[in-house]
Amino acid sequence: MNDPLNLKQYIRTVNDFPIDGITFRDITSLIETPEAFIKTCSELTRISQSFGATSIASIESRGFIFAGSIAKDLSLPFILARKPGKLPNETYIKDFDLEYGSTSIEIQKNTMVNESDRVVIVDDLVATGGTAIACSELLTENFNIKKENILILAVIDLPDLGGSKLIADQGYGIETLVSYH
C-alpha cells in the first residue's frame, strides 16, 4: 500500500509549480491539520527510534518542520543542512541537481557529529534524490559517517522520478510514508 496512514487526503497537488511541467505535492494542508501532523510526526519519530538514531539532520526548509519534532521527541541533536550563506560558521558545501535546476547545501564544520553516529536525514519529499544524497555525502565525506548509518526519511516519495531507488542503490537506507506513482 502506498498510503498506510491515510495521509494523501491532506496533501494537495499543485500543477506547474514552481515551474511549468512540475507537479508539486503541497504539505501545507497536512501541517495545518493537527491530527494529520501529529500522526505524521509520531510515525517519523517511531521510524527514527527504530533505526537507533543518535542525531537528526534535515534539509532546508520543509524538512525542518518534521525534523524538529523528531529531535525534540527523542532528545537528539538536530543538524541543519541549509542553502549557501545561511549558516554563520565555516561550512562544508555540496552542489547537486534538482528536478528543475541545481543548487548547493551546507553543514557547519563545527557540527557535533562523529563517525559512530546513526543519522536520520529528514525531508518532506524524495523526488530525484539529489538533495538527500548531497546531504548524505556531506556527512560521509566530511564526518566519516558510514552509509549504513544513514537513513533518509521523508513524508512523500515520488518513485517514478527514481530518487528513492538511486538512494538505495548508493547504499543509504530510505523510508517514506506516502508514495505517488
N, C-alpha and C. Protein backbone atom coordinates (compact mmCIF):
# COMPACT_ATOMS: atom_id res chain seq x y z
N MET A 1 0.85 -1.20 0.00
CA MET A 1 0.00 0.00 0.00
C MET A 1 0.88 1.24 0.00
N ASN A 2 0.44 2.29 -0.66
CA ASN A 2 1.26 3.49 -0.75
C ASN A 2 0.79 4.64 0.13
N ASP A 3 -0.15 4.38 1.03
CA ASP A 3 -0.61 5.40 1.98
C ASP A 3 -1.18 4.74 3.23
N PRO A 4 -0.37 3.96 3.96
CA PRO A 4 -0.90 3.20 5.10
C PRO A 4 -1.46 4.06 6.23
N LEU A 5 -1.01 5.30 6.34
CA LEU A 5 -1.50 6.18 7.42
C LEU A 5 -2.64 7.08 6.96
N ASN A 6 -3.08 6.90 5.69
CA ASN A 6 -4.17 7.70 5.14
C ASN A 6 -3.85 9.21 5.15
N LEU A 7 -2.65 9.56 4.71
CA LEU A 7 -2.20 10.95 4.72
C LEU A 7 -2.43 11.68 3.39
N LYS A 8 -2.61 10.95 2.30
CA LYS A 8 -2.74 11.60 1.00
C LYS A 8 -3.87 12.62 0.95
N GLN A 9 -4.92 12.36 1.70
CA GLN A 9 -6.06 13.29 1.70
C GLN A 9 -5.66 14.68 2.19
N TYR A 10 -4.52 14.78 2.88
CA TYR A 10 -4.07 16.07 3.41
C TYR A 10 -2.97 16.72 2.56
N ILE A 11 -2.61 16.09 1.46
CA ILE A 11 -1.53 16.60 0.61
C ILE A 11 -2.14 17.06 -0.70
N ARG A 12 -2.02 18.36 -0.99
CA ARG A 12 -2.56 18.92 -2.22
C ARG A 12 -1.60 18.70 -3.38
N THR A 13 -2.16 18.57 -4.56
CA THR A 13 -1.37 18.52 -5.78
C THR A 13 -1.52 19.86 -6.49
N VAL A 14 -0.39 20.50 -6.79
CA VAL A 14 -0.39 21.79 -7.48
C VAL A 14 0.40 21.62 -8.77
N ASN A 15 -0.29 21.78 -9.90
CA ASN A 15 0.37 21.65 -11.19
C ASN A 15 1.14 22.91 -11.57
N ASP A 16 2.23 22.71 -12.30
CA ASP A 16 3.05 23.80 -12.84
C ASP A 16 3.63 24.71 -11.75
N PHE A 17 4.06 24.12 -10.65
CA PHE A 17 4.73 24.86 -9.58
C PHE A 17 5.95 24.07 -9.13
N PRO A 18 7.09 24.69 -8.93
CA PRO A 18 7.42 26.11 -9.08
C PRO A 18 7.65 26.55 -10.52
N ILE A 19 7.69 25.62 -11.47
CA ILE A 19 7.81 25.98 -12.88
C ILE A 19 6.88 25.09 -13.68
N ASP A 20 6.61 25.48 -14.92
CA ASP A 20 5.75 24.68 -15.79
C ASP A 20 6.26 23.25 -15.91
N GLY A 21 5.34 22.31 -15.88
CA GLY A 21 5.68 20.91 -16.06
C GLY A 21 5.93 20.15 -14.76
N ILE A 22 6.06 20.85 -13.65
CA ILE A 22 6.29 20.21 -12.35
C ILE A 22 4.96 20.02 -11.64
N THR A 23 4.75 18.82 -11.10
CA THR A 23 3.60 18.53 -10.25
C THR A 23 4.09 18.58 -8.81
N PHE A 24 3.69 19.62 -8.08
CA PHE A 24 4.15 19.88 -6.72
C PHE A 24 3.21 19.22 -5.71
N ARG A 25 3.78 18.53 -4.74
CA ARG A 25 2.99 17.94 -3.65
C ARG A 25 3.12 18.87 -2.45
N ASP A 26 2.01 19.52 -2.11
CA ASP A 26 1.98 20.56 -1.09
C ASP A 26 1.57 19.99 0.27
N ILE A 27 2.49 20.06 1.24
CA ILE A 27 2.22 19.53 2.58
C ILE A 27 1.54 20.54 3.50
N THR A 28 1.22 21.72 2.97
CA THR A 28 0.61 22.77 3.81
C THR A 28 -0.64 22.26 4.53
N SER A 29 -1.52 21.60 3.81
CA SER A 29 -2.75 21.08 4.44
C SER A 29 -2.44 20.07 5.53
N LEU A 30 -1.44 19.24 5.30
CA LEU A 30 -1.07 18.23 6.29
C LEU A 30 -0.61 18.89 7.59
N ILE A 31 0.25 19.90 7.48
CA ILE A 31 0.76 20.52 8.71
C ILE A 31 -0.26 21.47 9.35
N GLU A 32 -1.27 21.87 8.57
CA GLU A 32 -2.34 22.70 9.13
C GLU A 32 -3.43 21.88 9.81
N THR A 33 -3.37 20.56 9.65
CA THR A 33 -4.38 19.67 10.25
C THR A 33 -3.72 18.94 11.41
N PRO A 34 -4.01 19.35 12.65
CA PRO A 34 -3.31 18.76 13.80
C PRO A 34 -3.30 17.24 13.81
N GLU A 35 -4.41 16.59 13.55
CA GLU A 35 -4.46 15.12 13.58
C GLU A 35 -3.47 14.52 12.57
N ALA A 36 -3.44 15.05 11.38
CA ALA A 36 -2.54 14.53 10.33
C ALA A 36 -1.08 14.84 10.67
N PHE A 37 -0.84 16.04 11.16
CA PHE A 37 0.54 16.43 11.50
C PHE A 37 1.07 15.58 12.66
N ILE A 38 0.26 15.39 13.67
CA ILE A 38 0.67 14.57 14.82
C ILE A 38 0.93 13.13 14.38
N LYS A 39 0.04 12.58 13.58
CA LYS A 39 0.19 11.21 13.08
C LYS A 39 1.50 11.08 12.28
N THR A 40 1.76 12.06 11.43
CA THR A 40 2.98 12.06 10.60
C THR A 40 4.23 12.13 11.48
N CYS A 41 4.26 13.08 12.39
CA CYS A 41 5.43 13.25 13.26
C CYS A 41 5.64 12.03 14.15
N SER A 42 4.56 11.46 14.65
CA SER A 42 4.68 10.27 15.51
C SER A 42 5.29 9.11 14.74
N GLU A 43 4.86 8.90 13.50
CA GLU A 43 5.39 7.80 12.71
C GLU A 43 6.86 8.04 12.34
N LEU A 44 7.20 9.27 11.97
CA LEU A 44 8.60 9.60 11.66
C LEU A 44 9.49 9.40 12.89
N THR A 45 8.98 9.76 14.06
CA THR A 45 9.71 9.55 15.30
C THR A 45 9.88 8.06 15.58
N ARG A 46 8.83 7.29 15.37
CA ARG A 46 8.91 5.85 15.59
C ARG A 46 9.97 5.21 14.69
N ILE A 47 9.99 5.59 13.43
CA ILE A 47 10.97 5.04 12.48
C ILE A 47 12.38 5.45 12.89
N SER A 48 12.55 6.68 13.29
CA SER A 48 13.88 7.17 13.71
C SER A 48 14.38 6.42 14.94
N GLN A 49 13.49 6.21 15.89
CA GLN A 49 13.86 5.49 17.10
C GLN A 49 14.20 4.04 16.77
N SER A 50 13.42 3.42 15.91
CA SER A 50 13.64 2.04 15.50
C SER A 50 15.00 1.89 14.79
N PHE A 51 15.41 2.91 14.04
CA PHE A 51 16.71 2.91 13.35
C PHE A 51 17.86 3.05 14.35
N GLY A 52 17.57 3.56 15.54
CA GLY A 52 18.61 3.79 16.54
C GLY A 52 19.34 5.10 16.33
N ALA A 53 18.61 6.09 15.84
CA ALA A 53 19.21 7.40 15.54
C ALA A 53 19.89 8.00 16.76
N THR A 54 21.06 8.60 16.52
CA THR A 54 21.75 9.37 17.56
C THR A 54 21.77 10.85 17.21
N SER A 55 21.43 11.17 15.96
CA SER A 55 21.31 12.56 15.50
C SER A 55 20.24 12.63 14.42
N ILE A 56 19.59 13.78 14.34
CA ILE A 56 18.62 14.05 13.29
C ILE A 56 19.17 15.20 12.46
N ALA A 57 19.26 14.99 11.16
CA ALA A 57 19.66 16.05 10.24
C ALA A 57 18.46 16.39 9.37
N SER A 58 18.44 17.61 8.87
CA SER A 58 17.34 17.95 7.99
C SER A 58 17.76 18.99 6.97
N ILE A 59 17.01 18.97 5.90
CA ILE A 59 17.29 19.79 4.74
C ILE A 59 16.29 20.94 4.69
N GLU A 60 16.83 22.14 4.49
CA GLU A 60 16.02 23.35 4.41
C GLU A 60 15.00 23.23 3.29
N SER A 61 13.83 23.70 3.44
CA SER A 61 13.27 24.20 4.67
C SER A 61 12.13 23.33 5.19
N ARG A 62 11.40 22.69 4.28
CA ARG A 62 10.22 21.94 4.75
C ARG A 62 10.60 20.74 5.62
N GLY A 63 11.77 20.17 5.42
CA GLY A 63 12.20 19.07 6.27
C GLY A 63 12.33 19.48 7.72
N PHE A 64 12.66 20.77 7.95
CA PHE A 64 12.81 21.26 9.32
C PHE A 64 11.53 21.09 10.13
N ILE A 65 10.38 21.23 9.47
CA ILE A 65 9.09 21.14 10.15
C ILE A 65 8.97 19.81 10.89
N PHE A 66 9.38 18.74 10.22
CA PHE A 66 9.24 17.40 10.78
C PHE A 66 10.44 17.03 11.66
N ALA A 67 11.62 17.41 11.23
CA ALA A 67 12.84 17.03 11.96
C ALA A 67 12.89 17.63 13.36
N GLY A 68 12.42 18.86 13.50
CA GLY A 68 12.41 19.48 14.82
C GLY A 68 11.57 18.70 15.81
N SER A 69 10.44 18.21 15.34
CA SER A 69 9.56 17.41 16.19
C SER A 69 10.24 16.10 16.59
N ILE A 70 10.89 15.44 15.63
CA ILE A 70 11.56 14.17 15.91
C ILE A 70 12.70 14.39 16.91
N ALA A 71 13.52 15.39 16.67
CA ALA A 71 14.66 15.67 17.56
C ALA A 71 14.17 15.97 18.97
N LYS A 72 13.10 16.74 19.08
CA LYS A 72 12.54 17.07 20.40
C LYS A 72 12.02 15.81 21.08
N ASP A 73 11.24 15.03 20.35
CA ASP A 73 10.63 13.84 20.95
C ASP A 73 11.67 12.81 21.40
N LEU A 74 12.78 12.70 20.67
CA LEU A 74 13.82 11.72 21.01
C LEU A 74 15.00 12.33 21.77
N SER A 75 14.94 13.63 22.06
CA SER A 75 16.02 14.35 22.76
C SER A 75 17.36 14.14 22.05
N LEU A 76 17.36 14.36 20.73
CA LEU A 76 18.56 14.17 19.92
C LEU A 76 19.04 15.48 19.31
N PRO A 77 20.33 15.59 19.01
CA PRO A 77 20.84 16.77 18.33
C PRO A 77 20.18 16.91 16.95
N PHE A 78 20.00 18.16 16.53
CA PHE A 78 19.37 18.49 15.25
C PHE A 78 20.40 19.22 14.39
N ILE A 79 20.82 18.57 13.30
CA ILE A 79 21.84 19.11 12.39
C ILE A 79 21.13 19.80 11.22
N LEU A 80 21.50 21.05 10.96
CA LEU A 80 20.89 21.80 9.87
C LEU A 80 21.71 21.68 8.59
N ALA A 81 21.04 21.32 7.49
CA ALA A 81 21.63 21.39 6.16
C ALA A 81 20.90 22.52 5.45
N ARG A 82 21.65 23.61 5.16
CA ARG A 82 21.00 24.82 4.67
C ARG A 82 21.53 25.27 3.33
N LYS A 83 20.80 26.19 2.73
CA LYS A 83 21.23 26.81 1.48
C LYS A 83 22.48 27.64 1.75
N PRO A 84 23.29 27.86 0.73
CA PRO A 84 24.54 28.62 0.92
C PRO A 84 24.31 30.01 1.54
N GLY A 85 25.21 30.36 2.45
CA GLY A 85 25.19 31.68 3.08
C GLY A 85 24.22 31.83 4.23
N LYS A 86 23.58 30.77 4.66
CA LYS A 86 22.59 30.86 5.74
C LYS A 86 23.13 30.45 7.11
N LEU A 87 24.33 29.83 7.14
CA LEU A 87 24.90 29.37 8.40
C LEU A 87 26.05 30.30 8.79
N PRO A 88 26.19 30.63 10.08
CA PRO A 88 27.16 31.65 10.50
C PRO A 88 28.61 31.18 10.59
N ASN A 89 28.85 29.89 10.67
CA ASN A 89 30.22 29.39 10.84
C ASN A 89 30.74 28.81 9.53
N GLU A 90 32.01 28.43 9.53
CA GLU A 90 32.61 27.81 8.35
C GLU A 90 31.86 26.53 8.02
N THR A 91 31.66 26.26 6.72
CA THR A 91 30.83 25.13 6.31
C THR A 91 31.52 24.23 5.30
N TYR A 92 30.98 23.02 5.20
CA TYR A 92 31.24 22.12 4.08
C TYR A 92 30.09 22.36 3.11
N ILE A 93 30.36 22.34 1.82
CA ILE A 93 29.32 22.61 0.82
C ILE A 93 29.27 21.48 -0.20
N LYS A 94 28.07 21.20 -0.69
CA LYS A 94 27.88 20.16 -1.70
C LYS A 94 26.90 20.69 -2.76
N ASP A 95 27.32 20.63 -4.02
CA ASP A 95 26.46 21.00 -5.14
C ASP A 95 25.68 19.77 -5.59
N PHE A 96 24.47 19.97 -6.10
CA PHE A 96 23.66 18.86 -6.59
C PHE A 96 22.57 19.37 -7.53
N ASP A 97 21.97 18.44 -8.26
CA ASP A 97 20.90 18.76 -9.19
C ASP A 97 19.55 18.45 -8.58
N LEU A 98 18.58 19.28 -8.95
CA LEU A 98 17.19 19.09 -8.55
C LEU A 98 16.39 18.63 -9.76
N GLU A 99 15.12 18.35 -9.55
CA GLU A 99 14.23 18.00 -10.64
C GLU A 99 14.15 19.16 -11.64
N TYR A 100 14.32 20.39 -11.17
CA TYR A 100 14.13 21.57 -12.03
C TYR A 100 15.27 22.57 -11.90
N GLY A 101 16.51 22.11 -11.71
CA GLY A 101 17.65 23.02 -11.64
C GLY A 101 18.77 22.42 -10.83
N SER A 102 19.63 23.28 -10.31
CA SER A 102 20.72 22.83 -9.44
C SER A 102 20.93 23.85 -8.33
N THR A 103 21.57 23.40 -7.25
CA THR A 103 21.79 24.25 -6.09
C THR A 103 22.88 23.63 -5.23
N SER A 104 23.02 24.12 -4.00
CA SER A 104 24.00 23.61 -3.04
C SER A 104 23.38 23.59 -1.65
N ILE A 105 23.95 22.75 -0.79
CA ILE A 105 23.61 22.80 0.64
C ILE A 105 24.90 22.78 1.43
N GLU A 106 24.80 23.26 2.67
CA GLU A 106 25.95 23.35 3.56
C GLU A 106 25.62 22.81 4.94
N ILE A 107 26.64 22.28 5.58
CA ILE A 107 26.58 21.91 7.00
C ILE A 107 27.80 22.54 7.66
N GLN A 108 27.62 23.08 8.85
CA GLN A 108 28.72 23.74 9.55
C GLN A 108 29.82 22.72 9.92
N LYS A 109 31.06 23.16 9.77
CA LYS A 109 32.19 22.30 10.10
C LYS A 109 32.25 21.98 11.59
N ASN A 110 31.72 22.85 12.42
CA ASN A 110 31.75 22.63 13.87
C ASN A 110 30.55 21.82 14.38
N THR A 111 29.81 21.21 13.48
CA THR A 111 28.67 20.37 13.87
C THR A 111 29.15 19.21 14.74
N MET A 112 28.42 18.96 15.81
CA MET A 112 28.79 17.92 16.76
C MET A 112 28.23 16.56 16.31
N VAL A 113 28.95 15.93 15.40
CA VAL A 113 28.59 14.60 14.92
C VAL A 113 29.89 13.84 14.69
N ASN A 114 29.88 12.54 14.96
CA ASN A 114 31.11 11.77 14.76
C ASN A 114 30.82 10.48 14.01
N GLU A 115 31.87 9.79 13.63
CA GLU A 115 31.73 8.64 12.74
C GLU A 115 30.92 7.48 13.31
N SER A 116 30.70 7.45 14.60
CA SER A 116 29.91 6.36 15.17
C SER A 116 28.41 6.70 15.23
N ASP A 117 28.05 7.91 14.87
CA ASP A 117 26.64 8.31 14.92
C ASP A 117 25.79 7.59 13.88
N ARG A 118 24.51 7.45 14.22
CA ARG A 118 23.50 6.96 13.28
C ARG A 118 22.57 8.15 13.01
N VAL A 119 22.60 8.60 11.76
CA VAL A 119 21.94 9.86 11.42
C VAL A 119 20.72 9.61 10.54
N VAL A 120 19.60 10.17 10.96
CA VAL A 120 18.39 10.17 10.13
C VAL A 120 18.31 11.54 9.47
N ILE A 121 18.25 11.54 8.15
CA ILE A 121 18.12 12.78 7.38
C ILE A 121 16.66 12.92 6.98
N VAL A 122 16.02 13.99 7.43
CA VAL A 122 14.58 14.18 7.24
C VAL A 122 14.32 15.24 6.19
N ASP A 123 13.42 14.92 5.28
CA ASP A 123 12.93 15.90 4.30
C ASP A 123 11.46 15.64 4.08
N ASP A 124 10.80 16.57 3.44
CA ASP A 124 9.37 16.38 3.18
C ASP A 124 9.13 15.43 2.03
N LEU A 125 10.06 15.38 1.04
CA LEU A 125 9.78 14.66 -0.19
C LEU A 125 11.06 14.16 -0.83
N VAL A 126 11.01 12.99 -1.44
CA VAL A 126 12.10 12.48 -2.26
C VAL A 126 11.61 12.46 -3.71
N ALA A 127 12.29 13.21 -4.57
CA ALA A 127 11.97 13.23 -6.00
C ALA A 127 13.11 12.55 -6.75
N THR A 128 14.10 13.31 -7.17
CA THR A 128 15.24 12.73 -7.90
C THR A 128 16.30 12.19 -6.96
N GLY A 129 16.20 12.53 -5.67
CA GLY A 129 17.16 12.05 -4.68
C GLY A 129 18.38 12.94 -4.51
N GLY A 130 18.51 13.96 -5.33
CA GLY A 130 19.70 14.80 -5.30
C GLY A 130 19.96 15.47 -3.97
N THR A 131 18.93 16.01 -3.37
CA THR A 131 19.09 16.72 -2.10
C THR A 131 19.50 15.76 -0.98
N ALA A 132 18.81 14.65 -0.89
CA ALA A 132 19.11 13.67 0.16
C ALA A 132 20.51 13.08 0.00
N ILE A 133 20.89 12.78 -1.23
CA ILE A 133 22.23 12.23 -1.48
C ILE A 133 23.29 13.27 -1.17
N ALA A 134 23.06 14.51 -1.54
CA ALA A 134 24.03 15.58 -1.24
C ALA A 134 24.22 15.72 0.27
N CYS A 135 23.14 15.69 1.03
CA CYS A 135 23.24 15.79 2.49
C CYS A 135 23.97 14.57 3.04
N SER A 136 23.64 13.40 2.53
CA SER A 136 24.32 12.17 2.97
C SER A 136 25.81 12.24 2.69
N GLU A 137 26.17 12.71 1.50
CA GLU A 137 27.59 12.81 1.13
C GLU A 137 28.33 13.84 1.98
N LEU A 138 27.66 14.91 2.37
CA LEU A 138 28.29 15.86 3.30
C LEU A 138 28.68 15.14 4.59
N LEU A 139 27.82 14.24 5.05
CA LEU A 139 28.09 13.52 6.30
C LEU A 139 29.13 12.42 6.11
N THR A 140 29.07 11.68 5.00
CA THR A 140 30.04 10.59 4.79
C THR A 140 31.43 11.12 4.47
N GLU A 141 31.49 12.16 3.65
CA GLU A 141 32.78 12.68 3.20
C GLU A 141 33.48 13.55 4.24
N ASN A 142 32.72 14.25 5.07
CA ASN A 142 33.32 15.22 5.98
C ASN A 142 33.29 14.81 7.45
N PHE A 143 32.39 13.90 7.81
CA PHE A 143 32.28 13.47 9.20
C PHE A 143 32.48 11.96 9.34
N ASN A 144 32.80 11.29 8.24
CA ASN A 144 33.10 9.85 8.23
C ASN A 144 31.95 8.96 8.71
N ILE A 145 30.72 9.43 8.53
CA ILE A 145 29.57 8.60 8.87
C ILE A 145 29.47 7.50 7.80
N LYS A 146 29.29 6.27 8.23
CA LYS A 146 29.15 5.16 7.28
C LYS A 146 27.77 5.21 6.61
N LYS A 147 27.73 4.83 5.34
CA LYS A 147 26.47 4.86 4.59
C LYS A 147 25.37 4.07 5.30
N GLU A 148 25.73 2.92 5.86
CA GLU A 148 24.72 2.10 6.52
C GLU A 148 24.20 2.73 7.82
N ASN A 149 24.86 3.78 8.28
CA ASN A 149 24.42 4.50 9.47
C ASN A 149 23.64 5.77 9.13
N ILE A 150 23.18 5.85 7.89
CA ILE A 150 22.37 6.98 7.44
C ILE A 150 21.04 6.44 6.92
N LEU A 151 19.96 7.04 7.39
CA LEU A 151 18.61 6.72 6.91
C LEU A 151 18.00 8.00 6.37
N ILE A 152 17.57 7.97 5.11
CA ILE A 152 16.80 9.07 4.54
C ILE A 152 15.35 8.80 4.88
N LEU A 153 14.70 9.77 5.48
CA LEU A 153 13.32 9.63 5.94
C LEU A 153 12.50 10.80 5.40
N ALA A 154 11.47 10.49 4.63
CA ALA A 154 10.65 11.54 4.04
C ALA A 154 9.17 11.20 4.17
N VAL A 155 8.35 12.23 4.13
CA VAL A 155 6.92 12.03 4.17
C VAL A 155 6.45 11.46 2.83
N ILE A 156 6.93 12.01 1.72
CA ILE A 156 6.44 11.67 0.39
C ILE A 156 7.55 11.10 -0.47
N ASP A 157 7.23 10.08 -1.24
CA ASP A 157 8.13 9.52 -2.24
C ASP A 157 7.48 9.64 -3.61
N LEU A 158 8.28 10.08 -4.59
CA LEU A 158 7.85 10.11 -5.99
C LEU A 158 8.72 9.10 -6.74
N PRO A 159 8.44 7.80 -6.58
CA PRO A 159 9.34 6.77 -7.11
C PRO A 159 9.53 6.82 -8.63
N ASP A 160 8.57 7.35 -9.36
CA ASP A 160 8.71 7.42 -10.82
C ASP A 160 9.86 8.34 -11.24
N LEU A 161 10.31 9.22 -10.35
CA LEU A 161 11.44 10.10 -10.65
C LEU A 161 12.78 9.46 -10.31
N GLY A 162 12.74 8.28 -9.68
CA GLY A 162 13.94 7.48 -9.48
C GLY A 162 14.80 7.81 -8.27
N GLY A 163 14.42 8.78 -7.47
CA GLY A 163 15.25 9.18 -6.34
C GLY A 163 15.39 8.13 -5.26
N SER A 164 14.29 7.50 -4.88
CA SER A 164 14.37 6.51 -3.80
C SER A 164 15.21 5.31 -4.23
N LYS A 165 15.10 4.90 -5.49
CA LYS A 165 15.92 3.80 -5.99
C LYS A 165 17.39 4.21 -6.02
N LEU A 166 17.69 5.42 -6.47
CA LEU A 166 19.07 5.91 -6.52
C LEU A 166 19.68 5.95 -5.12
N ILE A 167 18.92 6.43 -4.15
CA ILE A 167 19.38 6.48 -2.76
C ILE A 167 19.73 5.08 -2.26
N ALA A 168 18.82 4.13 -2.48
CA ALA A 168 19.06 2.74 -2.04
C ALA A 168 20.25 2.14 -2.79
N ASP A 169 20.33 2.39 -4.10
CA ASP A 169 21.43 1.85 -4.91
C ASP A 169 22.79 2.38 -4.44
N GLN A 170 22.81 3.58 -3.86
CA GLN A 170 24.06 4.16 -3.37
C GLN A 170 24.40 3.69 -1.96
N GLY A 171 23.56 2.85 -1.37
CA GLY A 171 23.89 2.25 -0.09
C GLY A 171 23.31 2.93 1.13
N TYR A 172 22.39 3.87 0.93
CA TYR A 172 21.74 4.54 2.05
C TYR A 172 20.38 3.90 2.31
N GLY A 173 19.95 3.92 3.56
CA GLY A 173 18.60 3.46 3.88
C GLY A 173 17.60 4.53 3.49
N ILE A 174 16.41 4.12 3.15
CA ILE A 174 15.34 5.08 2.83
C ILE A 174 14.00 4.54 3.28
N GLU A 175 13.22 5.42 3.90
CA GLU A 175 11.84 5.10 4.28
C GLU A 175 10.99 6.33 4.03
N THR A 176 9.78 6.10 3.53
CA THR A 176 8.83 7.18 3.28
C THR A 176 7.46 6.74 3.76
N LEU A 177 6.56 7.71 3.95
CA LEU A 177 5.22 7.39 4.46
C LEU A 177 4.17 7.30 3.38
N VAL A 178 4.31 8.09 2.31
CA VAL A 178 3.32 8.18 1.25
C VAL A 178 4.04 8.09 -0.08
N SER A 179 3.48 7.32 -1.01
CA SER A 179 4.09 7.18 -2.32
C SER A 179 3.10 7.57 -3.41
N TYR A 180 3.57 8.37 -4.39
CA TYR A 180 2.76 8.77 -5.54
C TYR A 180 3.33 8.15 -6.80
N HIS A 181 2.59 7.28 -7.45
CA HIS A 181 3.05 6.67 -8.71
C HIS A 181 2.37 7.36 -9.87
